[in-house]
Amino acid sequence: MSKFLIQVSTWTFATFFILGAMFAFCAIISFPFWLLWNWLMPDIFGLSEITWLQAFGLWILITLLRSSTSSLKNNKIFNINSKPNETDGTEQSPFGDLSWNSWLDQIKKRYEA
């Protein structure tokens, strides 16, 4: 019976430790964002002040948006930083050797609803 109580108390302690660490992380991340928002945004743009929890939600949203746009940078179609062709010095198209019409057809096929 004591072995069971030790396991239960260990799991309970681990759960509270993880939840506490998550709360501390949220507080550390969102507190500066919250202070900056409430200091700058109402005066500059006339926006209302936000709560600490709203600041954390905005931080999550911004992080998700930034990560989704950074994944587009690695996509060949959206890569506008094409490197010059080493053989003749001309710039390569980020879309490969496609003509304008075939490229447009591929975009239409990809994004049809």
PDB file of N, CA and C in Angstrom:
ATOM      1  N   MET A   1       0.817  -1.198   0.000  1.00  0.00           N
ATOM      2  CA  MET A   1       0.000   0.000   0.000  1.00  0.00           C
ATOM      3  C   MET A   1       0.854   1.252   0.000  1.00  0.00           C
ATOM      4  N   SER A   2       1.961   1.244   0.693  1.00  0.00           N
ATOM      5  CA  SER A   2       2.810   2.432   0.747  1.00  0.00           C
ATOM      6  C   SER A   2       3.470   2.697  -0.610  1.00  0.00           C
ATOM      7  N   LYS A   3       3.742   1.640  -1.383  1.00  0.00           N
ATOM      8  CA  LYS A   3       4.311   1.819  -2.703  1.00  0.00           C
ATOM      9  C   LYS A   3       3.329   2.567  -3.607  1.00  0.00           C
ATOM     10  N   PHE A   4       2.042   2.232  -3.466  1.00  0.00           N
ATOM     11  CA  PHE A   4       1.013   2.900  -4.243  1.00  0.00           C
ATOM     12  C   PHE A   4       0.929   4.380  -3.865  1.00  0.00           C
ATOM     13  N   LEU A   5       0.987   4.702  -2.582  1.00  0.00           N
ATOM     14  CA  LEU A   5       0.927   6.088  -2.129  1.00  0.00           C
ATOM     15  C   LEU A   5       2.144   6.882  -2.612  1.00  0.00           C
ATOM     16  N   ILE A   6       3.284   6.238  -2.636  1.00  0.00           N
ATOM     17  CA  ILE A   6       4.489   6.909  -3.134  1.00  0.00           C
ATOM     18  C   ILE A   6       4.341   7.233  -4.616  1.00  0.00           C
ATOM     19  N   GLN A   7       3.805   6.306  -5.397  1.00  0.00           N
ATOM     20  CA  GLN A   7       3.602   6.551  -6.829  1.00  0.00           C
ATOM     21  C   GLN A   7       2.583   7.671  -7.063  1.00  0.00           C
ATOM     22  N   VAL A   8       1.494   7.659  -6.309  1.00  0.00           N
ATOM     23  CA  VAL A   8       0.472   8.685  -6.449  1.00  0.00           C
ATOM     24  C   VAL A   8       1.045  10.049  -6.083  1.00  0.00           C
ATOM     25  N   SER A   9       1.778  10.120  -4.983  1.00  0.00           N
ATOM     26  CA  SER A   9       2.351  11.407  -4.577  1.00  0.00           C
ATOM     27  C   SER A   9       3.420  11.867  -5.568  1.00  0.00           C
ATOM     28  N   THR A  10       4.166  10.942  -6.157  1.00  0.00           N
ATOM     29  CA  THR A  10       5.162  11.313  -7.149  1.00  0.00           C
ATOM     30  C   THR A  10       4.500  11.891  -8.397  1.00  0.00           C
ATOM     31  N   TRP A  11       3.452  11.227  -8.875  1.00  0.00           N
ATOM     32  CA  TRP A  11       2.741  11.723 -10.054  1.00  0.00           C
ATOM     33  C   TRP A  11       2.055  13.052  -9.772  1.00  0.00           C
ATOM     34  N   THR A  12       1.511  13.210  -8.575  1.00  0.00           N
ATOM     35  CA  THR A  12       0.873  14.469  -8.200  1.00  0.00           C
ATOM     36  C   THR A  12       1.890  15.595  -8.154  1.00  0.00           C
ATOM     37  N   PHE A  13       3.026  15.346  -7.562  1.00  0.00           N
ATOM     38  CA  PHE A  13       4.089  16.344  -7.504  1.00  0.00           C
ATOM     39  C   PHE A  13       4.574  16.705  -8.907  1.00  0.00           C
ATOM     40  N   ALA A  14       4.759  15.699  -9.764  1.00  0.00           N
ATOM     41  CA  ALA A  14       5.221  15.953 -11.127  1.00  0.00           C
ATOM     42  C   ALA A  14       4.203  16.780 -11.909  1.00  0.00           C
ATOM     43  N   THR A  15       2.928  16.482 -11.722  1.00  0.00           N
ATOM     44  CA  THR A  15       1.881  17.237 -12.416  1.00  0.00           C
ATOM     45  C   THR A  15       1.874  18.690 -11.977  1.00  0.00           C
ATOM     46  N   PHE A  16       1.925  18.921 -10.667  1.00  0.00           N
ATOM     47  CA  PHE A  16       1.953  20.298 -10.166  1.00  0.00           C
ATOM     48  C   PHE A  16       3.232  21.021 -10.570  1.00  0.00           C
ATOM     49  N   PHE A  17       4.327  20.314 -10.637  1.00  0.00           N
ATOM     50  CA  PHE A  17       5.586  20.921 -11.056  1.00  0.00           C
ATOM     51  C   PHE A  17       5.507  21.361 -12.519  1.00  0.00           C
ATOM     52  N   ILE A  18       4.966  20.496 -13.368  1.00  0.00           N
ATOM     53  CA  ILE A  18       4.853  20.829 -14.794  1.00  0.00           C
ATOM     54  C   ILE A  18       3.883  21.983 -14.994  1.00  0.00           C
ATOM     55  N   LEU A  19       2.744  21.950 -14.311  1.00  0.00           N
ATOM     56  CA  LEU A  19       1.789  23.054 -14.432  1.00  0.00           C
ATOM     57  C   LEU A  19       2.367  24.359 -13.911  1.00  0.00           C
ATOM     58  N   GLY A  20       3.117  24.289 -12.834  1.00  0.00           N
ATOM     59  CA  GLY A  20       3.773  25.485 -12.302  1.00  0.00           C
ATOM     60  C   GLY A  20       4.828  26.028 -13.249  1.00  0.00           C
ATOM     61  N   ALA A  21       5.583  25.133 -13.871  1.00  0.00           N
ATOM     62  CA  ALA A  21       6.592  25.571 -14.833  1.00  0.00           C
ATOM     63  C   ALA A  21       5.930  26.209 -16.052  1.00  0.00           C
ATOM     64  N   MET A  22       4.802  25.645 -16.501  1.00  0.00           N
ATOM     65  CA  MET A  22       4.076  26.240 -17.627  1.00  0.00           C
ATOM     66  C   MET A  22       3.539  27.618 -17.262  1.00  0.00           C
ATOM     67  N   PHE A  23       3.012  27.775 -16.077  1.00  0.00           N
ATOM     68  CA  PHE A  23       2.509  29.067 -15.627  1.00  0.00           C
ATOM     69  C   PHE A  23       3.640  30.085 -15.539  1.00  0.00           C
ATOM     70  N   ALA A  24       4.780  29.670 -15.009  1.00  0.00           N
ATOM     71  CA  ALA A  24       5.926  30.577 -14.907  1.00  0.00           C
ATOM     72  C   ALA A  24       6.405  30.995 -16.294  1.00  0.00           C
ATOM     73  N   PHE A  25       6.444  30.061 -17.230  1.00  0.00           N
ATOM     74  CA  PHE A  25       6.843  30.380 -18.599  1.00  0.00           C
ATOM     75  C   PHE A  25       5.884  31.399 -19.219  1.00  0.00           C
ATOM     76  N   CYS A  26       4.579  31.173 -19.040  1.00  0.00           N
ATOM     77  CA  CYS A  26       3.580  32.103 -19.574  1.00  0.00           C
ATOM     78  C   CYS A  26       3.741  33.486 -18.964  1.00  0.00           C
ATOM     79  N   ALA A  27       3.992  33.537 -17.671  1.00  0.00           N
ATOM     80  CA  ALA A  27       4.152  34.823 -17.002  1.00  0.00           C
ATOM     81  C   ALA A  27       5.405  35.545 -17.485  1.00  0.00           C
ATOM     82  N   ILE A  28       6.492  34.812 -17.626  1.00  0.00           N
ATOM     83  CA  ILE A  28       7.753  35.427 -18.062  1.00  0.00           C
ATOM     84  C   ILE A  28       7.639  35.946 -19.486  1.00  0.00           C
ATOM     85  N   ILE A  29       6.986  35.185 -20.353  1.00  0.00           N
ATOM     86  CA  ILE A  29       6.865  35.569 -21.753  1.00  0.00           C
ATOM     87  C   ILE A  29       5.885  36.726 -21.928  1.00  0.00           C
ATOM     88  N   SER A  30       4.731  36.661 -21.302  1.00  0.00           N
ATOM     89  CA  SER A  30       3.683  37.633 -21.588  1.00  0.00           C
ATOM     90  C   SER A  30       3.774  38.906 -20.752  1.00  0.00           C
ATOM     91  N   PHE A  31       4.455  38.900 -19.641  1.00  0.00           N
ATOM     92  CA  PHE A  31       4.511  40.082 -18.785  1.00  0.00           C
ATOM     93  C   PHE A  31       5.159  41.279 -19.480  1.00  0.00           C
ATOM     94  N   PRO A  32       6.339  41.141 -20.099  1.00  0.00           N
ATOM     95  CA  PRO A  32       6.902  42.307 -20.808  1.00  0.00           C
ATOM     96  C   PRO A  32       6.024  42.770 -21.975  1.00  0.00           C
ATOM     97  N   PHE A  33       5.425  41.824 -22.712  1.00  0.00           N
ATOM     98  CA  PHE A  33       4.529  42.173 -23.814  1.00  0.00           C
ATOM     99  C   PHE A  33       3.329  42.948 -23.291  1.00  0.00           C
ATOM    100  N   TRP A  34       2.776  42.518 -22.178  1.00  0.00           N
ATOM    101  CA  TRP A  34       1.623  43.173 -21.560  1.00  0.00           C
ATOM    102  C   TRP A  34       1.971  44.596 -21.132  1.00  0.00           C
ATOM    103  N   LEU A  35       3.118  44.757 -20.482  1.00  0.00           N
ATOM    104  CA  LEU A  35       3.529  46.091 -20.043  1.00  0.00           C
ATOM    105  C   LEU A  35       3.764  47.028 -21.225  1.00  0.00           C
ATOM    106  N   LEU A  36       4.440  46.542 -22.251  1.00  0.00           N
ATOM    107  CA  LEU A  36       4.699  47.374 -23.425  1.00  0.00           C
ATOM    108  C   LEU A  36       3.406  47.748 -24.143  1.00  0.00           C
ATOM    109  N   TRP A  37       2.492  46.799 -24.271  1.00  0.00           N
ATOM    110  CA  TRP A  37       1.221  47.099 -24.926  1.00  0.00           C
ATOM    111  C   TRP A  37       0.470  48.192 -24.167  1.00  0.00           C
ATOM    112  N   ASN A  38       0.329  48.006 -22.867  1.00  0.00           N
ATOM    113  CA  ASN A  38      -0.442  48.965 -22.074  1.00  0.00           C
ATOM    114  C   ASN A  38       0.260  50.312 -21.958  1.00  0.00           C
ATOM    115  N   TRP A  39       1.552  50.364 -22.167  1.00  0.00           N
ATOM    116  CA  TRP A  39       2.289  51.625 -22.125  1.00  0.00           C
ATOM    117  C   TRP A  39       2.212  52.357 -23.461  1.00  0.00           C
ATOM    118  N   LEU A  40       2.339  51.611 -24.575  1.00  0.00           N
ATOM    119  CA  LEU A  40       2.442  52.250 -25.885  1.00  0.00           C
ATOM    120  C   LEU A  40       1.134  52.328 -26.667  1.00  0.00           C
ATOM    121  N   MET A  41       0.420  51.251 -26.782  1.00  0.00           N
ATOM    122  CA  MET A  41      -0.709  51.175 -27.710  1.00  0.00           C
ATOM    123  C   MET A  41      -1.868  52.129 -27.388  1.00  0.00           C
ATOM    124  N   PRO A  42      -2.272  52.287 -26.128  1.00  0.00           N
ATOM    125  CA  PRO A  42      -3.377  53.230 -25.873  1.00  0.00           C
ATOM    126  C   PRO A  42      -3.031  54.669 -26.242  1.00  0.00           C
ATOM    127  N   ASP A  43      -1.800  55.084 -25.993  1.00  0.00           N
ATOM    128  CA  ASP A  43      -1.415  56.462 -26.294  1.00  0.00           C
ATOM    129  C   ASP A  43      -1.178  56.684 -27.782  1.00  0.00           C
ATOM    130  N   ILE A  44      -0.546  55.729 -28.455  1.00  0.00           N
ATOM    131  CA  ILE A  44      -0.182  55.921 -29.857  1.00  0.00           C
ATOM    132  C   ILE A  44      -1.366  55.679 -30.778  1.00  0.00           C
ATOM    133  N   PHE A  45      -2.050  54.549 -30.619  1.00  0.00           N
ATOM    134  CA  PHE A  45      -3.106  54.163 -31.554  1.00  0.00           C
ATOM    135  C   PHE A  45      -4.511  54.275 -30.975  1.00  0.00           C
ATOM    136  N   GLY A  46      -4.646  54.637 -29.729  1.00  0.00           N
ATOM    137  CA  GLY A  46      -5.963  54.759 -29.119  1.00  0.00           C
ATOM    138  C   GLY A  46      -6.624  53.431 -28.819  1.00  0.00           C
ATOM    139  N   LEU A  47      -5.842  52.359 -28.725  1.00  0.00           N
ATOM    140  CA  LEU A  47      -6.389  51.044 -28.409  1.00  0.00           C
ATOM    141  C   LEU A  47      -6.571  50.916 -26.907  1.00  0.00           C
ATOM    142  N   SER A  48      -7.439  49.994 -26.504  1.00  0.00           N
ATOM    143  CA  SER A  48      -7.676  49.811 -25.072  1.00  0.00           C
ATOM    144  C   SER A  48      -6.561  48.979 -24.450  1.00  0.00           C
ATOM    145  N   GLU A  49      -6.477  49.066 -23.137  1.00  0.00           N
ATOM    146  CA  GLU A  49      -5.499  48.256 -22.417  1.00  0.00           C
ATOM    147  C   GLU A  49      -5.969  46.811 -22.399  1.00  0.00           C
ATOM    148  N   ILE A  50      -5.016  45.886 -22.269  1.00  0.00           N
ATOM    149  CA  ILE A  50      -5.353  44.468 -22.274  1.00  0.00           C
ATOM    150  C   ILE A  50      -4.943  43.838 -20.950  1.00  0.00           C
ATOM    151  N   THR A  51      -5.495  42.666 -20.683  1.00  0.00           N
ATOM    152  CA  THR A  51      -5.141  41.929 -19.472  1.00  0.00           C
ATOM    153  C   THR A  51      -3.902  41.083 -19.742  1.00  0.00           C
ATOM    154  N   TRP A  52      -3.375  40.523 -18.687  1.00  0.00           N
ATOM    155  CA  TRP A  52      -2.192  39.676 -18.823  1.00  0.00           C
ATOM    156  C   TRP A  52      -2.495  38.447 -19.664  1.00  0.00           C
ATOM    157  N   LEU A  53      -3.672  37.873 -19.475  1.00  0.00           N
ATOM    158  CA  LEU A  53      -4.052  36.683 -20.237  1.00  0.00           C
ATOM    159  C   LEU A  53      -4.247  37.015 -21.715  1.00  0.00           C
ATOM    160  N   GLN A  54      -4.799  38.178 -22.019  1.00  0.00           N
ATOM    161  CA  GLN A  54      -4.929  38.608 -23.407  1.00  0.00           C
ATOM    162  C   GLN A  54      -3.556  38.833 -24.035  1.00  0.00           C
ATOM    163  N   ALA A  55      -2.629  39.349 -23.257  1.00  0.00           N
ATOM    164  CA  ALA A  55      -1.269  39.544 -23.767  1.00  0.00           C
ATOM    165  C   ALA A  55      -0.625  38.206 -24.112  1.00  0.00           C
ATOM    166  N   PHE A  56      -0.859  37.203 -23.291  1.00  0.00           N
ATOM    167  CA  PHE A  56      -0.311  35.887 -23.601  1.00  0.00           C
ATOM    168  C   PHE A  56      -0.960  35.313 -24.855  1.00  0.00           C
ATOM    169  N   GLY A  57      -2.270  35.496 -25.010  1.00  0.00           N
ATOM    170  CA  GLY A  57      -2.952  35.038 -26.210  1.00  0.00           C
ATOM    171  C   GLY A  57      -2.432  35.725 -27.463  1.00  0.00           C
ATOM    172  N   LEU A  58      -2.196  37.022 -27.392  1.00  0.00           N
ATOM    173  CA  LEU A  58      -1.629  37.742 -28.532  1.00  0.00           C
ATOM    174  C   LEU A  58      -0.221  37.257 -28.844  1.00  0.00           C
ATOM    175  N   TRP A  59       0.551  36.976 -27.807  1.00  0.00           N
ATOM    176  CA  TRP A  59       1.913  36.483 -28.025  1.00  0.00           C
ATOM    177  C   TRP A  59       1.881  35.134 -28.732  1.00  0.00           C
ATOM    178  N   ILE A  60       0.958  34.255 -28.327  1.00  0.00           N
ATOM    179  CA  ILE A  60       0.804  32.955 -28.992  1.00  0.00           C
ATOM    180  C   ILE A  60       0.413  33.156 -30.453  1.00  0.00           C
ATOM    181  N   LEU A  61      -0.545  34.055 -30.715  1.00  0.00           N
ATOM    182  CA  LEU A  61      -0.984  34.318 -32.080  1.00  0.00           C
ATOM    183  C   LEU A  61       0.157  34.838 -32.946  1.00  0.00           C
ATOM    184  N   ILE A  62       0.927  35.767 -32.434  1.00  0.00           N
ATOM    185  CA  ILE A  62       2.052  36.312 -33.190  1.00  0.00           C
ATOM    186  C   ILE A  62       3.085  35.230 -33.458  1.00  0.00           C
ATOM    187  N   THR A  63       3.349  34.390 -32.481  1.00  0.00           N
ATOM    188  CA  THR A  63       4.315  33.302 -32.657  1.00  0.00           C
ATOM    189  C   THR A  63       3.840  32.332 -33.737  1.00  0.00           C
ATOM    190  N   LEU A  64       2.560  31.993 -33.725  1.00  0.00           N
ATOM    191  CA  LEU A  64       2.027  31.084 -34.745  1.00  0.00           C
ATOM    192  C   LEU A  64       2.087  31.708 -36.132  1.00  0.00           C
ATOM    193  N   LEU A  65       1.761  32.988 -36.238  1.00  0.00           N
ATOM    194  CA  LEU A  65       1.813  33.650 -37.541  1.00  0.00           C
ATOM    195  C   LEU A  65       3.234  33.749 -38.064  1.00  0.00           C
ATOM    196  N   ARG A  66       4.171  34.063 -37.184  1.00  0.00           N
ATOM    197  CA  ARG A  66       5.571  34.166 -37.622  1.00  0.00           C
ATOM    198  C   ARG A  66       6.114  32.815 -38.053  1.00  0.00           C
ATOM    199  N   SER A  67       5.732  31.748 -37.361  1.00  0.00           N
ATOM    200  CA  SER A  67       6.249  30.433 -37.736  1.00  0.00           C
ATOM    201  C   SER A  67       5.652  29.970 -39.054  1.00  0.00           C
ATOM    202  N   SER A  68       4.401  30.343 -39.337  1.00  0.00           N
ATOM    203  CA  SER A  68       3.805  29.926 -40.609  1.00  0.00           C
ATOM    204  C   SER A  68       4.394  30.715 -41.768  1.00  0.00           C
ATOM    205  N   THR A  69       4.747  31.978 -41.577  1.00  0.00           N
ATOM    206  CA  THR A  69       5.346  32.741 -42.668  1.00  0.00           C
ATOM    207  C   THR A  69       6.793  32.343 -42.877  1.00  0.00           C
ATOM    208  N   SER A  70       7.475  31.920 -41.832  1.00  0.00           N
ATOM    209  CA  SER A  70       8.864  31.497 -42.024  1.00  0.00           C
ATOM    210  C   SER A  70       8.934  30.162 -42.752  1.00  0.00           C
ATOM    211  N   SER A  71       7.882  29.345 -42.642  1.00  0.00           N
ATOM    212  CA  SER A  71       7.882  28.092 -43.385  1.00  0.00           C
ATOM    213  C   SER A  71       7.669  28.349 -44.870  1.00  0.00           C
ATOM    214  N   LEU A  72       7.050  29.472 -45.231  1.00  0.00           N
ATOM    215  CA  LEU A  72       6.873  29.813 -46.635  1.00  0.00           C
ATOM    216  C   LEU A  72       8.196  30.215 -47.282  1.00  0.00           C
ATOM    217  N   LYS A  73       9.137  30.716 -46.488  1.00  0.00           N
ATOM    218  CA  LYS A  73      10.432  31.115 -47.038  1.00  0.00           C
ATOM    219  C   LYS A  73      11.187  29.930 -47.614  1.00  0.00           C
ATOM    220  N   ASN A  74      10.964  28.756 -47.049  1.00  0.00           N
ATOM    221  CA  ASN A  74      11.657  27.563 -47.524  1.00  0.00           C
ATOM    222  C   ASN A  74      10.976  26.957 -48.740  1.00  0.00           C
ATOM    223  N   ASN A  75       9.763  27.405 -49.053  1.00  0.00           N
ATOM    224  CA  ASN A  75       9.037  26.894 -50.199  1.00  0.00           C
ATOM    225  C   ASN A  75       9.645  27.479 -51.465  1.00  0.00           C
ATOM    226  N   LYS A  76       9.848  26.660 -52.474  1.00  0.00           N
ATOM    227  CA  LYS A  76      10.517  27.098 -53.689  1.00  0.00           C
ATOM    228  C   LYS A  76       9.707  28.144 -54.442  1.00  0.00           C
ATOM    229  N   ILE A  77       8.386  28.037 -54.427  1.00  0.00           N
ATOM    230  CA  ILE A  77       7.557  28.979 -55.169  1.00  0.00           C
ATOM    231  C   ILE A  77       7.619  30.368 -54.546  1.00  0.00           C
ATOM    232  N   PHE A  78       7.651  30.460 -53.225  1.00  0.00           N
ATOM    233  CA  PHE A  78       7.624  31.750 -52.570  1.00  0.00           C
ATOM    234  C   PHE A  78       9.010  32.319 -52.306  1.00  0.00           C
ATOM    235  N   ASN A  79      10.052  31.648 -52.742  1.00  0.00           N
ATOM    236  CA  ASN A  79      11.410  32.111 -52.505  1.00  0.00           C
ATOM    237  C   ASN A  79      11.761  33.172 -53.541  1.00  0.00           C
ATOM    238  N   ILE A  80      11.824  34.432 -53.121  1.00  0.00           N
ATOM    239  CA  ILE A  80      12.132  35.514 -54.054  1.00  0.00           C
ATOM    240  C   ILE A  80      13.619  35.809 -54.095  1.00  0.00           C
ATOM    241  N   ASN A  81      14.372  35.182 -53.239  1.00  0.00           N
ATOM    242  CA  ASN A  81      15.817  35.394 -53.211  1.00  0.00           C
ATOM    243  C   ASN A  81      16.500  34.360 -54.085  1.00  0.00           C
ATOM    244  N   SER A  82      16.252  34.420 -55.376  1.00  0.00           N
ATOM    245  CA  SER A  82      16.881  33.448 -56.264  1.00  0.00           C
ATOM    246  C   SER A  82      18.331  33.825 -56.467  1.00  0.00           C
ATOM    247  N   LYS A  83      19.157  32.824 -56.598  1.00  0.00           N
ATOM    248  CA  LYS A  83      20.585  33.046 -56.758  1.00  0.00           C
ATOM    249  C   LYS A  83      20.939  33.062 -58.238  1.00  0.00           C
ATOM    250  N   PRO A  84      21.966  33.818 -58.620  1.00  0.00           N
ATOM    251  CA  PRO A  84      22.355  33.850 -60.022  1.00  0.00           C
ATOM    252  C   PRO A  84      22.823  32.492 -60.503  1.00  0.00           C
ATOM    253  N   ASN A  85      22.571  32.235 -61.756  1.00  0.00           N
ATOM    254  CA  ASN A  85      23.022  31.001 -62.374  1.00  0.00           C
ATOM    255  C   ASN A  85      24.539  31.060 -62.500  1.00  0.00           C
ATOM    256  N   GLU A  86      25.206  30.022 -62.049  1.00  0.00           N
ATOM    257  CA  GLU A  86      26.665  30.037 -62.046  1.00  0.00           C
ATOM    258  C   GLU A  86      27.251  29.939 -63.451  1.00  0.00           C
ATOM    259  N   THR A  87      26.499  29.384 -64.393  1.00  0.00           N
ATOM    260  CA  THR A  87      27.059  29.162 -65.719  1.00  0.00           C
ATOM    261  C   THR A  87      27.067  30.424 -66.564  1.00  0.00           C
ATOM    262  N   ASP A  88      25.915  31.142 -66.611  1.00  0.00           N
ATOM    263  CA  ASP A  88      25.890  32.300 -67.490  1.00  0.00           C
ATOM    264  C   ASP A  88      25.683  33.623 -66.759  1.00  0.00           C
ATOM    265  N   GLY A  89      25.562  33.625 -65.455  1.00  0.00           N
ATOM    266  CA  GLY A  89      25.449  34.853 -64.692  1.00  0.00           C
ATOM    267  C   GLY A  89      24.044  35.440 -64.666  1.00  0.00           C
ATOM    268  N   THR A  90      23.075  34.796 -65.300  1.00  0.00           N
ATOM    269  CA  THR A  90      21.712  35.318 -65.270  1.00  0.00           C
ATOM    270  C   THR A  90      20.998  34.813 -64.033  1.00  0.00           C
ATOM    271  N   GLU A  91      19.945  35.493 -63.677  1.00  0.00           N
ATOM    272  CA  GLU A  91      19.197  35.116 -62.491  1.00  0.00           C
ATOM    273  C   GLU A  91      18.183  34.031 -62.832  1.00  0.00           C
ATOM    274  N   GLN A  92      18.123  32.993 -61.996  1.00  0.00           N
ATOM    275  CA  GLN A  92      17.184  31.901 -62.218  1.00  0.00           C
ATOM    276  C   GLN A  92      15.811  32.301 -61.697  1.00  0.00           C
ATOM    277  N   SER A  93      14.786  31.805 -62.362  1.00  0.00           N
ATOM    278  CA  SER A  93      13.426  32.044 -61.910  1.00  0.00           C
ATOM    279  C   SER A  93      13.136  31.150 -60.707  1.00  0.00           C
ATOM    280  N   PRO A  94      12.457  31.683 -59.677  1.00  0.00           N
ATOM    281  CA  PRO A  94      12.108  30.831 -58.534  1.00  0.00           C
ATOM    282  C   PRO A  94      11.060  29.795 -58.899  1.00  0.00           C
ATOM    283  N   PHE A  95      10.445  29.888 -60.077  1.00  0.00           N
ATOM    284  CA  PHE A  95       9.407  28.967 -60.491  1.00  0.00           C
ATOM    285  C   PHE A  95       9.916  27.902 -61.434  1.00  0.00           C
ATOM    286  N   GLY A  96      11.201  27.810 -61.613  1.00  0.00           N
ATOM    287  CA  GLY A  96      11.759  26.790 -62.486  1.00  0.00           C
ATOM    288  C   GLY A  96      11.702  27.220 -63.936  1.00  0.00           C
ATOM    289  N   ASP A  97      11.593  26.265 -64.848  1.00  0.00           N
ATOM    290  CA  ASP A  97      11.570  26.536 -66.272  1.00  0.00           C
ATOM    291  C   ASP A  97      10.147  26.624 -66.817  1.00  0.00           C
ATOM    292  N   LEU A  98       9.215  27.052 -66.023  1.00  0.00           N
ATOM    293  CA  LEU A  98       7.828  27.112 -66.441  1.00  0.00           C
ATOM    294  C   LEU A  98       7.549  28.401 -67.207  1.00  0.00           C
ATOM    295  N   SER A  99       6.695  28.294 -68.194  1.00  0.00           N
ATOM    296  CA  SER A  99       6.232  29.498 -68.856  1.00  0.00           C
ATOM    297  C   SER A  99       5.152  30.131 -67.986  1.00  0.00           C
ATOM    298  N   TRP A 100       4.797  31.361 -68.312  1.00  0.00           N
ATOM    299  CA  TRP A 100       3.815  32.080 -67.517  1.00  0.00           C
ATOM    300  C   TRP A 100       2.478  31.341 -67.498  1.00  0.00           C
ATOM    301  N   ASN A 101       2.012  30.851 -68.622  1.00  0.00           N
ATOM    302  CA  ASN A 101       0.711  30.176 -68.682  1.00  0.00           C
ATOM    303  C   ASN A 101       0.718  28.856 -67.917  1.00  0.00           C
ATOM    304  N   SER A 102       1.773  28.078 -68.024  1.00  0.00           N
ATOM    305  CA  SER A 102       1.805  26.810 -67.288  1.00  0.00           C
ATOM    306  C   SER A 102       1.932  27.059 -65.782  1.00  0.00           C
ATOM    307  N   TRP A 103       2.649  28.101 -65.418  1.00  0.00           N
ATOM    308  CA  TRP A 103       2.755  28.440 -63.998  1.00  0.00           C
ATOM    309  C   TRP A 103       1.387  28.866 -63.466  1.00  0.00           C
ATOM    310  N   LEU A 104       0.658  29.676 -64.245  1.00  0.00           N
ATOM    311  CA  LEU A 104      -0.664  30.131 -63.838  1.00  0.00           C
ATOM    312  C   LEU A 104      -1.640  28.958 -63.733  1.00  0.00           C
ATOM    313  N   ASP A 105      -1.533  27.997 -64.650  1.00  0.00           N
ATOM    314  CA  ASP A 105      -2.378  26.802 -64.589  1.00  0.00           C
ATOM    315  C   ASP A 105      -2.107  25.987 -63.327  1.00  0.00           C
ATOM    316  N   GLN A 106      -0.834  25.871 -62.953  1.00  0.00           N
ATOM    317  CA  GLN A 106      -0.508  25.133 -61.725  1.00  0.00           C
ATOM    318  C   GLN A 106      -1.064  25.826 -60.489  1.00  0.00           C
ATOM    319  N   ILE A 107      -0.998  27.145 -60.455  1.00  0.00           N
ATOM    320  CA  ILE A 107      -1.542  27.881 -59.316  1.00  0.00           C
ATOM    321  C   ILE A 107      -3.047  27.692 -59.251  1.00  0.00           C
ATOM    322  N   LYS A 108      -3.722  27.746 -60.395  1.00  0.00           N
ATOM    323  CA  LYS A 108      -5.179  27.557 -60.415  1.00  0.00           C
ATOM    324  C   LYS A 108      -5.559  26.165 -59.922  1.00  0.00           C
ATOM    325  N   LYS A 109      -4.810  25.146 -60.323  1.00  0.00           N
ATOM    326  CA  LYS A 109      -5.083  23.774 -59.893  1.00  0.00           C
ATOM    327  C   LYS A 109      -4.872  23.617 -58.401  1.00  0.00           C
ATOM    328  N   ARG A 110      -3.821  24.236 -57.885  1.00  0.00           N
ATOM    329  CA  ARG A 110      -3.490  24.109 -56.477  1.00  0.00           C
ATOM    330  C   ARG A 110      -4.538  24.745 -55.565  1.00  0.00           C
ATOM    331  N   TYR A 111      -5.082  25.872 -56.016  1.00  0.00           N
ATOM    332  CA  TYR A 111      -5.948  26.646 -55.120  1.00  0.00           C
ATOM    333  C   TYR A 111      -7.425  26.599 -55.534  1.00  0.00           C
ATOM    334  N   GLU A 112      -7.807  25.601 -56.322  1.00  0.00           N
ATOM    335  CA  GLU A 112      -9.233  25.450 -56.641  1.00  0.00           C
ATOM    336  C   GLU A 112      -9.976  24.981 -55.404  1.00  0.00           C
ATOM    337  N   ALA A 113     -11.166  25.511 -55.246  1.00  0.00           N
ATOM    338  CA  ALA A 113     -11.975  25.133 -54.084  1.00  0.00           C
ATOM    339  C   ALA A 113     -12.906  23.998 -54.420  1.00  0.00           C
TER     340      ALA A 113
END
